[in-house]
C-alpha atoms as a PDB file:
ATOM      1  CA  MET A   1      15.346  58.954 -14.020  1.00  0.00           C
ATOM      2  CA  SER A   2      14.952  55.502 -12.752  1.00  0.00           C
ATOM      3  CA  PHE A   3      17.077  54.144 -10.083  1.00  0.00           C
ATOM      4  CA  LEU A   4      17.458  50.702 -11.668  1.00  0.00           C
ATOM      5  CA  ALA A   5      17.168  50.462 -15.573  1.00  0.00           C
ATOM      6  CA  LEU A   6      17.526  47.539 -17.695  1.00  0.00           C
ATOM      7  CA  SER A   7      17.350  48.399 -21.148  1.00  0.00           C
ATOM      8  CA  GLU A   8      17.199  45.837 -24.165  1.00  0.00           C
ATOM      9  CA  ILE A   9      18.541  43.058 -21.930  1.00  0.00           C
ATOM     10  CA  LYS A  10      19.509  39.805 -23.870  1.00  0.00           C
ATOM     11  CA  LYS A  11      21.068  36.584 -22.866  1.00  0.00           C
ATOM     12  CA  SER A  12      22.090  33.647 -24.729  1.00  0.00           C
ATOM     13  CA  PHE A  13      23.940  30.495 -23.707  1.00  0.00           C
ATOM     14  CA  GLY A  14      25.241  29.120 -27.069  1.00  0.00           C
ATOM     15  CA  PRO A  15      22.411  29.068 -29.575  1.00  0.00           C
ATOM     16  CA  VAL A  16      19.647  29.268 -27.182  1.00  0.00           C
ATOM     17  CA  GLN A  17      18.319  32.886 -26.038  1.00  0.00           C
ATOM     18  CA  VAL A  18      16.943  32.585 -22.655  1.00  0.00           C
ATOM     19  CA  VAL A  19      16.207  36.365 -22.147  1.00  0.00           C
ATOM     20  CA  HIS A  20      14.785  38.512 -25.285  1.00  0.00           C
ATOM     21  CA  ASN A  21      15.119  42.324 -25.272  1.00  0.00           C
ATOM     22  CA  PHE A  22      14.134  42.924 -21.760  1.00  0.00           C
ATOM     23  CA  ASN A  23      13.206  46.402 -20.558  1.00  0.00           C
ATOM     24  CA  MET A  24      12.248  47.837 -17.296  1.00  0.00           C
ATOM     25  CA  ALA A  25      12.460  50.816 -14.940  1.00  0.00           C
ATOM     26  CA  ILE A  26      12.652  50.252 -11.345  1.00  0.00           C
ATOM     27  CA  GLU A  27      12.234  53.150  -8.982  1.00  0.00           C
ATOM     28  CA  LYS A  28      14.191  53.895  -5.751  1.00  0.00           C
ATOM     29  CA  GLY A  29      12.925  52.107  -2.678  1.00  0.00           C
ATOM     30  CA  GLU A  30      10.717  49.892  -4.883  1.00  0.00           C
ATOM     31  CA  PHE A  31       9.997  46.244  -4.451  1.00  0.00           C
ATOM     32  CA  VAL A  32       9.661  44.308  -7.527  1.00  0.00           C
ATOM     33  CA  SER A  33       9.280  40.495  -8.075  1.00  0.00           C
ATOM     34  CA  PHE A  34      10.112  38.323 -10.912  1.00  0.00           C
ATOM     35  CA  LEU A  35       7.355  35.560 -10.963  1.00  0.00           C
ATOM     36  CA  GLY A  36       7.331  32.585 -13.349  1.00  0.00           C
ATOM     37  CA  PRO A  37       8.027  28.976 -13.910  1.00  0.00           C
ATOM     38  CA  SER A  38      11.572  27.356 -13.825  1.00  0.00           C
ATOM     39  CA  GLY A  39      13.247  28.009 -17.004  1.00  0.00           C
ATOM     40  CA  CYS A  40      11.421  31.416 -17.862  1.00  0.00           C
ATOM     41  CA  GLY A  41      14.571  33.535 -17.504  1.00  0.00           C
ATOM     42  CA  LYS A  42      13.856  35.423 -14.156  1.00  0.00           C
ATOM     43  CA  THR A  43      17.011  34.050 -12.335  1.00  0.00           C
ATOM     44  CA  THR A  44      19.013  34.782 -15.325  1.00  0.00           C
ATOM     45  CA  ILE A  45      17.921  38.461 -14.960  1.00  0.00           C
ATOM     46  CA  LEU A  46      18.735  38.574 -11.496  1.00  0.00           C
ATOM     47  CA  ARG A  47      22.283  37.127 -12.100  1.00  0.00           C
ATOM     48  CA  MET A  48      22.985  39.906 -14.663  1.00  0.00           C
ATOM     49  CA  ILE A  49      21.824  42.600 -12.375  1.00  0.00           C
ATOM     50  CA  ALA A  50      24.219  41.011  -9.932  1.00  0.00           C
ATOM     51  CA  GLY A  51      27.205  40.733 -12.452  1.00  0.00           C
ATOM     52  CA  PHE A  52      27.345  36.890 -12.249  1.00  0.00           C
ATOM     53  CA  GLU A  53      26.262  36.831 -15.700  1.00  0.00           C
ATOM     54  CA  THR A  54      27.241  39.543 -18.593  1.00  0.00           C
ATOM     55  CA  PRO A  55      24.249  40.255 -20.903  1.00  0.00           C
ATOM     56  CA  SER A  56      24.682  39.292 -24.611  1.00  0.00           C
ATOM     57  CA  GLY A  57      23.179  42.679 -25.365  1.00  0.00           C
ATOM     58  CA  GLY A  58      21.723  45.729 -23.584  1.00  0.00           C
ATOM     59  CA  THR A  59      22.646  47.903 -20.566  1.00  0.00           C
ATOM     60  CA  ILE A  60      22.151  47.830 -16.875  1.00  0.00           C
ATOM     61  CA  ARG A  61      22.310  51.025 -15.000  1.00  0.00           C
ATOM     62  CA  ILE A  62      21.959  51.940 -11.196  1.00  0.00           C
ATOM     63  CA  ASN A  63      21.578  55.399 -10.366  1.00  0.00           C
ATOM     64  CA  GLY A  64      22.634  56.549 -13.832  1.00  0.00           C
ATOM     65  CA  VAL A  65      25.822  54.639 -13.800  1.00  0.00           C
ATOM     66  CA  ASP A  66      26.500  51.715 -16.289  1.00  0.00           C
ATOM     67  CA  GLN A  67      27.060  48.561 -14.377  1.00  0.00           C
ATOM     68  CA  THR A  68      26.769  46.181 -17.624  1.00  0.00           C
ATOM     69  CA  THR A  69      30.529  45.046 -17.720  1.00  0.00           C
ATOM     70  CA  LEU A  70      31.284  45.310 -14.002  1.00  0.00           C
ATOM     71  CA  LYS A  71      32.263  42.499 -11.769  1.00  0.00           C
ATOM     72  CA  PRO A  72      30.191  41.536  -8.855  1.00  0.00           C
ATOM     73  CA  ASN A  73      32.505  42.872  -6.300  1.00  0.00           C
ATOM     74  CA  GLN A  74      32.611  46.390  -8.352  1.00  0.00           C
ATOM     75  CA  ARG A  75      28.899  46.667  -7.906  1.00  0.00           C
ATOM     76  CA  ASN A  76      27.217  47.924  -4.500  1.00  0.00           C
ATOM     77  CA  ILE A  77      24.615  45.124  -4.419  1.00  0.00           C
ATOM     78  CA  GLY A  78      23.430  42.830  -1.555  1.00  0.00           C
ATOM     79  CA  MET A  79      22.312  39.297  -2.698  1.00  0.00           C
ATOM     80  CA  VAL A  80      20.432  36.534  -0.627  1.00  0.00           C
ATOM     81  CA  PHE A  81      20.665  33.195  -2.088  1.00  0.00           C
ATOM     82  CA  GLN A  82      18.037  30.270  -1.940  1.00  0.00           C
ATOM     83  CA  ALA A  83      20.743  27.960   0.013  1.00  0.00           C
ATOM     84  CA  TYR A  84      21.626  30.854   2.548  1.00  0.00           C
ATOM     85  CA  ALA A  85      25.463  30.349   1.538  1.00  0.00           C
ATOM     86  CA  LEU A  86      26.590  31.191   5.068  1.00  0.00           C
ATOM     87  CA  PHE A  87      30.192  30.427   6.136  1.00  0.00           C
ATOM     88  CA  PRO A  88      29.805  27.197   8.171  1.00  0.00           C
ATOM     89  CA  ASN A  89      32.900  28.060  10.146  1.00  0.00           C
ATOM     90  CA  MET A  90      31.749  31.713  11.125  1.00  0.00           C
ATOM     91  CA  THR A  91      29.512  32.583  13.759  1.00  0.00           C
ATOM     92  CA  VAL A  92      26.588  34.705  13.368  1.00  0.00           C
ATOM     93  CA  TYR A  93      28.468  37.814  14.370  1.00  0.00           C
ATOM     94  CA  GLU A  94      31.178  36.846  11.789  1.00  0.00           C
ATOM     95  CA  ASN A  95      29.015  36.027   9.007  1.00  0.00           C
ATOM     96  CA  VAL A  96      27.361  39.575   9.074  1.00  0.00           C
ATOM     97  CA  ALA A  97      30.622  41.247   9.666  1.00  0.00           C
ATOM     98  CA  PHE A  98      32.250  39.702   6.779  1.00  0.00           C
ATOM     99  CA  GLY A  99      31.597  42.175   4.134  1.00  0.00           C
ATOM    100  CA  LEU A 100      32.429  44.930   6.288  1.00  0.00           C
ATOM    101  CA  LYS A 101      35.921  43.679   6.940  1.00  0.00           C
ATOM    102  CA  VAL A 102      36.455  43.107   3.140  1.00  0.00           C
ATOM    103  CA  ALA A 103      35.695  46.754   2.733  1.00  0.00           C
ATOM    104  CA  GLY A 104      38.130  48.014   5.362  1.00  0.00           C
ATOM    105  CA  MET A 105      35.931  49.355   8.061  1.00  0.00           C
ATOM    106  CA  ALA A 106      37.090  50.202  11.354  1.00  0.00           C
ATOM    107  CA  ARG A 107      36.507  47.252  14.022  1.00  0.00           C
ATOM    108  CA  ALA A 108      34.525  49.729  16.151  1.00  0.00           C
ATOM    109  CA  ASP A 109      32.257  50.769  13.100  1.00  0.00           C
ATOM    110  CA  ILE A 110      32.070  47.156  12.298  1.00  0.00           C
ATOM    111  CA  ASP A 111      30.923  46.153  15.790  1.00  0.00           C
ATOM    112  CA  ARG A 112      28.255  48.759  15.654  1.00  0.00           C
ATOM    113  CA  ARG A 113      26.867  47.988  12.311  1.00  0.00           C
ATOM    114  CA  VAL A 114      26.578  44.142  13.183  1.00  0.00           C
ATOM    115  CA  LYS A 115      24.994  44.856  16.458  1.00  0.00           C
ATOM    116  CA  GLU A 116      22.427  47.184  14.435  1.00  0.00           C
ATOM    117  CA  MET A 117      21.773  44.560  11.802  1.00  0.00           C
ATOM    118  CA  LEU A 118      21.280  41.751  14.522  1.00  0.00           C
ATOM    119  CA  ALA A 119      18.654  43.785  16.166  1.00  0.00           C
ATOM    120  CA  LEU A 120      17.066  44.483  12.998  1.00  0.00           C
ATOM    121  CA  ILE A 121      16.414  40.755  12.459  1.00  0.00           C
ATOM    122  CA  HIS A 122      15.930  40.005  16.073  1.00  0.00           C
ATOM    123  CA  LEU A 123      18.874  37.572  16.650  1.00  0.00           C
ATOM    124  CA  GLU A 124      21.092  39.524  18.990  1.00  0.00           C
ATOM    125  CA  HIS A 125      21.108  36.821  21.333  1.00  0.00           C
ATOM    126  CA  LEU A 126      22.539  34.276  18.864  1.00  0.00           C
ATOM    127  CA  ALA A 127      25.567  36.351  17.717  1.00  0.00           C
ATOM    128  CA  GLU A 128      28.033  33.461  18.735  1.00  0.00           C
ATOM    129  CA  ARG A 129      26.168  30.634  17.211  1.00  0.00           C
ATOM    130  CA  TYR A 130      27.380  28.740  14.121  1.00  0.00           C
ATOM    131  CA  PRO A 131      24.922  28.440  11.191  1.00  0.00           C
ATOM    132  CA  TYR A 132      24.291  24.462  11.943  1.00  0.00           C
ATOM    133  CA  GLN A 133      23.163  25.432  15.430  1.00  0.00           C
ATOM    134  CA  MET A 134      20.308  27.533  13.705  1.00  0.00           C
ATOM    135  CA  SER A 135      16.820  26.704  12.071  1.00  0.00           C
ATOM    136  CA  GLY A 136      16.529  27.546   8.359  1.00  0.00           C
ATOM    137  CA  GLY A 137      14.603  30.460   9.011  1.00  0.00           C
ATOM    138  CA  GLN A 138      17.281  31.798  11.318  1.00  0.00           C
ATOM    139  CA  GLN A 139      20.003  31.208   8.797  1.00  0.00           C
ATOM    140  CA  GLN A 140      17.995  32.873   6.138  1.00  0.00           C
ATOM    141  CA  ARG A 141      17.465  36.170   8.348  1.00  0.00           C
ATOM    142  CA  VAL A 142      21.309  36.115   9.095  1.00  0.00           C
ATOM    143  CA  ALA A 143      21.967  35.907   5.347  1.00  0.00           C
ATOM    144  CA  LEU A 144      19.654  38.846   4.830  1.00  0.00           C
ATOM    145  CA  ALA A 145      21.329  40.807   7.642  1.00  0.00           C
ATOM    146  CA  ARG A 146      24.787  40.115   5.973  1.00  0.00           C
ATOM    147  CA  ALA A 147      23.553  41.364   2.528  1.00  0.00           C
ATOM    148  CA  LEU A 148      22.148  44.454   4.198  1.00  0.00           C
ATOM    149  CA  ALA A 149      25.153  45.272   6.503  1.00  0.00           C
ATOM    150  CA  VAL A 150      27.148  46.904   3.459  1.00  0.00           C
ATOM    151  CA  LYS A 151      24.403  49.160   2.697  1.00  0.00           C
ATOM    152  CA  PRO A 152      23.960  47.933  -0.858  1.00  0.00           C
ATOM    153  CA  GLN A 153      22.134  50.266  -3.538  1.00  0.00           C
ATOM    154  CA  VAL A 154      20.115  47.293  -4.466  1.00  0.00           C
ATOM    155  CA  LEU A 155      19.116  44.089  -2.610  1.00  0.00           C
ATOM    156  CA  LEU A 156      18.665  40.723  -4.803  1.00  0.00           C
ATOM    157  CA  LEU A 157      16.629  37.849  -3.455  1.00  0.00           C
ATOM    158  CA  ASP A 158      16.793  34.591  -5.201  1.00  0.00           C
ATOM    159  CA  GLU A 159      14.184  32.652  -4.128  1.00  0.00           C
ATOM    160  CA  PRO A 160      15.054  33.047  -0.543  1.00  0.00           C
ATOM    161  CA  LEU A 161      12.162  31.289   0.967  1.00  0.00           C
ATOM    162  CA  SER A 162      11.871  28.205  -1.184  1.00  0.00           C
ATOM    163  CA  ALA A 163      13.552  25.765   1.271  1.00  0.00           C
ATOM    164  CA  LEU A 164      11.368  26.584   4.192  1.00  0.00           C
ATOM    165  CA  ASP A 165       8.123  25.288   5.582  1.00  0.00           C
ATOM    166  CA  ALA A 166       4.942  26.804   4.786  1.00  0.00           C
ATOM    167  CA  LYS A 167       4.345  28.918   8.041  1.00  0.00           C
ATOM    168  CA  ILE A 168       8.162  30.097   8.471  1.00  0.00           C
ATOM    169  CA  ARG A 169       7.857  31.236   4.807  1.00  0.00           C
ATOM    170  CA  VAL A 170       4.754  33.560   5.616  1.00  0.00           C
ATOM    171  CA  SER A 171       6.454  35.022   8.614  1.00  0.00           C
ATOM    172  CA  LEU A 172       9.638  35.671   7.142  1.00  0.00           C
ATOM    173  CA  ARG A 173       8.421  37.144   3.907  1.00  0.00           C
ATOM    174  CA  GLU A 174       6.490  39.753   5.962  1.00  0.00           C
ATOM    175  CA  GLU A 175       9.731  40.466   7.883  1.00  0.00           C
ATOM    176  CA  ILE A 176      11.633  40.856   4.792  1.00  0.00           C
ATOM    177  CA  ARG A 177       8.867  43.265   3.531  1.00  0.00           C
ATOM    178  CA  LEU A 178       9.013  45.170   6.705  1.00  0.00           C
ATOM    179  CA  ILE A 179      12.630  45.320   6.792  1.00  0.00           C
ATOM    180  CA  GLN A 180      12.850  46.589   2.991  1.00  0.00           C
ATOM    181  CA  GLN A 181      10.155  49.338   3.532  1.00  0.00           C
ATOM    182  CA  GLN A 182      11.984  50.401   6.952  1.00  0.00           C
ATOM    183  CA  LEU A 183      15.431  50.855   5.110  1.00  0.00           C
ATOM    184  CA  GLY A 184      13.803  52.223   1.921  1.00  0.00           C
ATOM    185  CA  ILE A 185      16.127  49.800  -0.216  1.00  0.00           C
ATOM    186  CA  THR A 186      15.432  49.199  -3.799  1.00  0.00           C
ATOM    187  CA  THR A 187      14.653  45.143  -4.101  1.00  0.00           C
ATOM    188  CA  VAL A 188      14.327  42.626  -6.556  1.00  0.00           C
ATOM    189  CA  PHE A 189      12.899  39.256  -5.702  1.00  0.00           C
ATOM    190  CA  VAL A 190      12.706  36.322  -7.668  1.00  0.00           C
ATOM    191  CA  THR A 191      10.076  33.427  -6.939  1.00  0.00           C
ATOM    192  CA  HIS A 192       7.825  30.918  -8.632  1.00  0.00           C
ATOM    193  CA  ASP A 193       5.256  31.354  -5.699  1.00  0.00           C
ATOM    194  CA  GLN A 194       2.487  33.584  -6.779  1.00  0.00           C
ATOM    195  CA  GLU A 195       1.305  33.963  -3.254  1.00  0.00           C
ATOM    196  CA  GLU A 196       4.577  35.438  -2.229  1.00  0.00           C
ATOM    197  CA  ALA A 197       4.751  37.784  -5.113  1.00  0.00           C
ATOM    198  CA  LEU A 198       1.051  39.159  -4.856  1.00  0.00           C
ATOM    199  CA  SER A 199       1.522  39.571  -0.953  1.00  0.00           C
ATOM    200  CA  ILE A 200       4.946  41.708  -0.818  1.00  0.00           C
ATOM    201  CA  SER A 201       5.462  43.317  -3.981  1.00  0.00           C
ATOM    202  CA  ASP A 202       5.047  46.846  -5.297  1.00  0.00           C
ATOM    203  CA  ARG A 203       5.052  45.449  -8.751  1.00  0.00           C
ATOM    204  CA  ILE A 204       5.255  42.163 -10.490  1.00  0.00           C
ATOM    205  CA  VAL A 205       6.941  41.017 -13.503  1.00  0.00           C
ATOM    206  CA  VAL A 206       5.368  37.865 -14.944  1.00  0.00           C
ATOM    207  CA  MET A 207       8.030  36.025 -16.885  1.00  0.00           C
ATOM    208  CA  ASN A 208       7.279  33.644 -19.628  1.00  0.00           C
ATOM    209  CA  ALA A 209       9.803  32.044 -22.089  1.00  0.00           C
ATOM    210  CA  GLY A 210      12.346  34.784 -21.633  1.00  0.00           C
ATOM    211  CA  ARG A 211       9.988  37.540 -21.929  1.00  0.00           C
ATOM    212  CA  ALA A 212       7.978  39.817 -19.729  1.00  0.00           C
ATOM    213  CA  ASP A 213       4.251  38.938 -20.343  1.00  0.00           C
ATOM    214  CA  GLN A 214       3.096  41.547 -18.126  1.00  0.00           C
ATOM    215  CA  ILE A 215       4.354  44.064 -15.524  1.00  0.00           C
ATOM    216  CA  GLY A 216       1.727  45.598 -13.182  1.00  0.00           C
ATOM    217  CA  THR A 217       0.929  45.992  -9.521  1.00  0.00           C
ATOM    218  CA  PRO A 218      -0.323  42.896  -7.856  1.00  0.00           C
ATOM    219  CA  SER A 219      -3.963  43.996  -8.170  1.00  0.00           C
ATOM    220  CA  ASP A 220      -3.458  44.560 -12.026  1.00  0.00           C
ATOM    221  CA  ILE A 221      -1.785  41.096 -12.584  1.00  0.00           C
ATOM    222  CA  TYR A 222      -4.490  39.287 -10.461  1.00  0.00           C
ATOM    223  CA  ASN A 223      -7.796  41.259 -11.684  1.00  0.00           C
ATOM    224  CA  ARG A 224      -6.547  42.321 -15.223  1.00  0.00           C
ATOM    225  CA  PRO A 225      -4.172  39.570 -16.705  1.00  0.00           C
ATOM    226  CA  ALA A 226      -2.857  40.597 -20.057  1.00  0.00           C
ATOM    227  CA  THR A 227      -2.295  37.114 -21.488  1.00  0.00           C
ATOM    228  CA  ARG A 228      -3.741  33.525 -21.257  1.00  0.00           C
ATOM    229  CA  PHE A 229      -0.663  32.579 -19.711  1.00  0.00           C
ATOM    230  CA  VAL A 230      -0.772  35.380 -17.031  1.00  0.00           C
ATOM    231  CA  ALA A 231      -4.289  34.501 -16.321  1.00  0.00           C
ATOM    232  CA  SER A 232      -3.588  30.853 -15.841  1.00  0.00           C
ATOM    233  CA  PHE A 233      -0.395  31.034 -13.820  1.00  0.00           C
ATOM    234  CA  VAL A 234      -1.399  33.723 -11.504  1.00  0.00           C
ATOM    235  CA  GLY A 235      -4.012  32.411  -9.133  1.00  0.00           C
ATOM    236  CA  THR A 236      -6.822  29.978  -9.927  1.00  0.00           C
ATOM    237  CA  LEU A 237      -8.993  31.013 -12.929  1.00  0.00           C
ATOM    238  CA  ASN A 238     -11.906  29.700 -14.856  1.00  0.00           C
ATOM    239  CA  LEU A 239     -11.071  29.940 -18.511  1.00  0.00           C
ATOM    240  CA  ILE A 240     -14.377  29.736 -20.490  1.00  0.00           C
ATOM    241  CA  GLU A 241     -14.893  29.170 -24.299  1.00  0.00           C
ATOM    242  CA  ALA A 242     -17.454  31.559 -25.334  1.00  0.00           C
ATOM    243  CA  THR A 243     -18.806  32.739 -28.930  1.00  0.00           C
ATOM    244  CA  VAL A 244     -19.091  36.277 -29.806  1.00  0.00           C
ATOM    245  CA  GLU A 245     -22.882  37.215 -30.421  1.00  0.00           C
ATOM    246  CA  ASP A 246     -22.918  40.906 -31.014  1.00  0.00           C
ATOM    247  CA  PRO A 247     -19.393  42.729 -31.068  1.00  0.00           C
ATOM    248  CA  GLN A 248     -21.016  46.125 -30.897  1.00  0.00           C
ATOM    249  CA  ALA A 249     -23.067  45.271 -28.093  1.00  0.00           C
ATOM    250  CA  ASN A 250     -20.105  43.429 -26.194  1.00  0.00           C
ATOM    251  CA  ARG A 251     -22.409  40.630 -26.011  1.00  0.00           C
ATOM    252  CA  ILE A 252     -21.105  36.893 -26.159  1.00  0.00           C
ATOM    253  CA  ARG A 253     -22.826  33.385 -25.724  1.00  0.00           C
ATOM    254  CA  ILE A 254     -21.929  30.775 -23.234  1.00  0.00           C
ATOM    255  CA  GLY A 255     -23.785  27.585 -24.178  1.00  0.00           C
ATOM    256  CA  GLU A 256     -27.379  28.492 -24.665  1.00  0.00           C
ATOM    257  CA  HIS A 257     -26.836  32.027 -22.663  1.00  0.00           C
ATOM    258  CA  ALA A 258     -26.436  35.403 -23.963  1.00  0.00           C
ATOM    259  CA  ILE A 259     -24.095  37.632 -21.672  1.00  0.00           C
ATOM    260  CA  GLN A 260     -23.312  41.350 -22.229  1.00  0.00           C
ATOM    261  CA  ILE A 261     -19.771  42.043 -20.625  1.00  0.00           C
ATOM    262  CA  ARG A 262     -17.762  45.175 -19.859  1.00  0.00           C
ATOM    263  CA  ASP A 263     -14.721  44.267 -22.062  1.00  0.00           C
ATOM    264  CA  SER A 264     -14.849  45.680 -25.738  1.00  0.00           C
ATOM    265  CA  LEU A 265     -15.303  43.146 -28.454  1.00  0.00           C
ATOM    266  CA  ALA A 266     -14.858  45.744 -31.174  1.00  0.00           C
ATOM    267  CA  GLN A 267     -12.051  43.837 -32.683  1.00  0.00           C
ATOM    268  CA  SER A 268     -14.062  40.716 -32.984  1.00  0.00           C
ATOM    269  CA  ARG A 269     -16.550  39.587 -35.375  1.00  0.00           C
ATOM    270  CA  GLY A 270     -19.857  37.649 -34.815  1.00  0.00           C
ATOM    271  CA  GLY A 271     -19.377  33.875 -34.400  1.00  0.00           C
ATOM    272  CA  ASP A 272     -15.650  34.408 -33.158  1.00  0.00           C
ATOM    273  CA  LYS A 273     -14.573  32.209 -30.476  1.00  0.00           C
ATOM    274  CA  VAL A 274     -13.217  34.015 -27.467  1.00  0.00           C
ATOM    275  CA  ALA A 275     -11.848  33.050 -24.075  1.00  0.00           C
ATOM    276  CA  VAL A 276     -13.299  34.686 -21.208  1.00  0.00           C
ATOM    277  CA  ALA A 277     -11.941  34.332 -17.438  1.00  0.00           C
ATOM    278  CA  LEU A 278     -13.871  34.415 -14.045  1.00  0.00           C
ATOM    279  CA  ARG A 279     -12.055  34.091 -10.737  1.00  0.00           C
ATOM    280  CA  PRO A 280     -13.483  31.360  -8.517  1.00  0.00           C
ATOM    281  CA  GLU A 281     -14.243  33.813  -5.799  1.00  0.00           C
ATOM    282  CA  ALA A 282     -16.257  35.905  -8.137  1.00  0.00           C
ATOM    283  CA  ALA A 283     -18.939  33.245  -8.444  1.00  0.00           C
ATOM    284  CA  SER A 284     -21.578  32.078  -6.034  1.00  0.00           C
ATOM    285  CA  LEU A 285     -24.725  29.855  -5.694  1.00  0.00           C
ATOM    286  CA  GLN A 286     -26.567  32.707  -4.140  1.00  0.00           C
ATOM    287  CA  ALA A 287     -27.970  35.777  -6.127  1.00  0.00           C
ATOM    288  CA  THR A 288     -27.082  39.032  -4.531  1.00  0.00           C
ATOM    289  CA  ALA A 289     -27.431  42.912  -5.486  1.00  0.00           C
ATOM    290  CA  ARG A 290     -24.064  42.842  -7.108  1.00  0.00           C
ATOM    291  CA  THR A 291     -24.940  39.557  -9.524  1.00  0.00           C
ATOM    292  CA  ASP A 292     -26.745  39.992 -12.681  1.00  0.00           C
ATOM    293  CA  THR A 293     -25.913  36.755 -14.456  1.00  0.00           C
ATOM    294  CA  ALA A 294     -27.344  33.108 -13.659  1.00  0.00           C
ATOM    295  CA  LEU A 295     -26.226  29.966 -15.486  1.00  0.00           C
ATOM    296  CA  PRO A 296     -27.624  26.598 -14.764  1.00  0.00           C
ATOM    297  CA  GLY A 297     -24.839  23.755 -14.011  1.00  0.00           C
ATOM    298  CA  GLU A 298     -24.149  20.422 -12.708  1.00  0.00           C
ATOM    299  CA  VAL A 299     -21.832  19.569 -10.000  1.00  0.00           C
ATOM    300  CA  VAL A 300     -18.693  17.690 -11.074  1.00  0.00           C
ATOM    301  CA  ALA A 301     -16.851  17.557  -7.827  1.00  0.00           C
ATOM    302  CA  SER A 302     -16.015  19.349  -4.451  1.00  0.00           C
ATOM    303  CA  SER A 303     -12.577  20.083  -2.809  1.00  0.00           C
ATOM    304  CA  PHE A 304     -12.121  20.773   0.685  1.00  0.00           C
ATOM    305  CA  LEU A 305      -9.240  23.271   0.950  1.00  0.00           C
ATOM    306  CA  GLY A 306      -9.296  24.356   4.553  1.00  0.00           C
ATOM    307  CA  SER A 307     -10.817  27.782   4.778  1.00  0.00           C
ATOM    308  CA  VAL A 308     -12.758  27.336   1.640  1.00  0.00           C
ATOM    309  CA  VAL A 309     -14.605  24.514  -0.278  1.00  0.00           C
ATOM    310  CA  ARG A 310     -13.956  24.447  -4.193  1.00  0.00           C
ATOM    311  CA  THR A 311     -16.668  23.088  -6.216  1.00  0.00           C
ATOM    312  CA  ARG A 312     -16.377  22.266  -9.926  1.00  0.00           C
ATOM    313  CA  LEU A 313     -19.514  22.698 -12.221  1.00  0.00           C
ATOM    314  CA  ASN A 314     -20.141  21.601 -15.687  1.00  0.00           C
ATOM    315  CA  VAL A 315     -21.576  24.943 -17.257  1.00  0.00           C
ATOM    316  CA  GLY A 316     -22.469  24.690 -21.017  1.00  0.00           C
ATOM    317  CA  GLY A 317     -19.681  22.428 -21.590  1.00  0.00           C
ATOM    318  CA  ASN A 318     -17.322  24.489 -19.436  1.00  0.00           C
ATOM    319  CA  THR A 319     -15.841  23.480 -16.271  1.00  0.00           C
ATOM    320  CA  ILE A 320     -16.122  26.492 -13.743  1.00  0.00           C
ATOM    321  CA  SER A 321     -14.778  26.498 -10.275  1.00  0.00           C
ATOM    322  CA  PHE A 322     -16.230  28.451  -7.441  1.00  0.00           C
ATOM    323  CA  ASP A 323     -15.322  29.049  -3.875  1.00  0.00           C
ATOM    324  CA  MET A 324     -17.331  29.063  -0.674  1.00  0.00           C
ATOM    325  CA  PHE A 325     -15.997  29.892   2.844  1.00  0.00           C
ATOM    326  CA  ASN A 326     -15.953  26.667   4.883  1.00  0.00           C
ATOM    327  CA  ASP A 327     -19.149  26.026   7.143  1.00  0.00           C
ATOM    328  CA  PRO A 328     -18.798  22.892   9.099  1.00  0.00           C
ATOM    329  CA  GLY A 329     -22.561  23.025   9.340  1.00  0.00           C
ATOM    330  CA  LEU A 330     -22.850  22.714   5.512  1.00  0.00           C
ATOM    331  CA  THR A 331     -22.800  19.560   3.542  1.00  0.00           C
ATOM    332  CA  PRO A 332     -20.724  19.625   0.236  1.00  0.00           C
ATOM    333  CA  LEU A 333     -22.532  19.522  -2.779  1.00  0.00           C
ATOM    334  CA  ALA A 334     -22.463  16.003  -4.381  1.00  0.00           C
ATOM    335  CA  ALA A 335     -21.587  15.354  -7.836  1.00  0.00           C
ATOM    336  CA  GLY A 336     -24.814  15.210 -10.106  1.00  0.00           C
ATOM    337  CA  GLU A 337     -26.614  18.070  -8.365  1.00  0.00           C
ATOM    338  CA  LYS A 338     -28.361  20.649 -10.366  1.00  0.00           C
ATOM    339  CA  VAL A 339     -27.407  24.228  -9.360  1.00  0.00           C
ATOM    340  CA  THR A 340     -27.402  27.709 -10.573  1.00  0.00           C
ATOM    341  CA  LEU A 341     -24.281  29.781 -10.861  1.00  0.00           C
ATOM    342  CA  HIS A 342     -24.490  33.542 -10.145  1.00  0.00           C
ATOM    343  CA  PHE A 343     -21.887  36.221 -10.984  1.00  0.00           C
ATOM    344  CA  ALA A 344     -21.576  39.621 -12.408  1.00  0.00           C
ATOM    345  CA  ALA A 345     -21.085  39.874 -15.992  1.00  0.00           C
ATOM    346  CA  ARG A 346     -18.563  42.789 -15.589  1.00  0.00           C
ATOM    347  CA  ASP A 347     -16.352  40.232 -13.702  1.00  0.00           C
ATOM    348  CA  LEU A 348     -15.859  38.404 -16.840  1.00  0.00           C
ATOM    349  CA  LEU A 349     -12.549  39.196 -18.541  1.00  0.00           C
ATOM    350  CA  VAL A 350     -11.665  38.601 -22.332  1.00  0.00           C
ATOM    351  CA  ILE A 351      -8.358  36.967 -22.591  1.00  0.00           C
ATOM    352  CA  ARG A 352      -6.093  38.185 -25.327  1.00  0.00           C
ATOM    353  CA  ASP A 353      -2.794  36.976 -26.345  1.00  0.00           C
END
């Protein structure tokens, strides 16, 4: 039996349905990220798990116990908010101790637990500081310690890193994942940042207009997107318009070039238009033992992105991007240059909606 089970969850605000018949089973100790654009329903699902919103239909169970109509304080859940939500008139120690005091824990046990939590987030030396005396990253770590102090069954994280600068976000997300694995706590993380979701999740739920377009491991989501939306939202992806030439042989045509792909075209007919996807890192200007396909193209533009240089080509009327590692000794390709793009046909993925 799954530890956190969401069955046929629906939510409407007036005439607008924002979550449609959502189902998911989350295992104990699993780290699941809900990923999607603003308004897709991911935060609404999180709030229903927490008890801040009541589902219009469906059930929520934790460890087999129905939680659907319980109030937030009746659920053993820890939550970390985007805006930290620390008590400004309390010290770090008092913030972390708050939930334990409400639960009626003995003073000696509170002291032991708070010190344990502050050691976990490496802030023992700041126990007597107030939130305004701390950086945003430190405040968010205190909020995490406060949520974990009460030993919740489930930890909910509502875009907890979005207010931090890039370098702190990376280090803190790694710290959150390390703590989560150390404690073995079931965690649901909401974000619109695909890199965050890909880097720390056991599974990802890609939300689109109140529905889960795809649920899978980070590798599945990135390498085998199930829909055009997932393909375009997760990572940078080339969507190439092609024509089915021979569905039995899985052969398509891009411009004037016929290519045999790995994906089945059995449900298509000759002449059908299909969209195929290719990741920028799967293409190169150099032929290798791995590549088996070469298409002529013309450089449209090059963009310097730090560690990589992304170049856009016009290939058979399609704009295709490919990435090269930055090399200070190389001159970026100029617009109008004629080049040949190499890739493996098996890396082309047919996108079906």
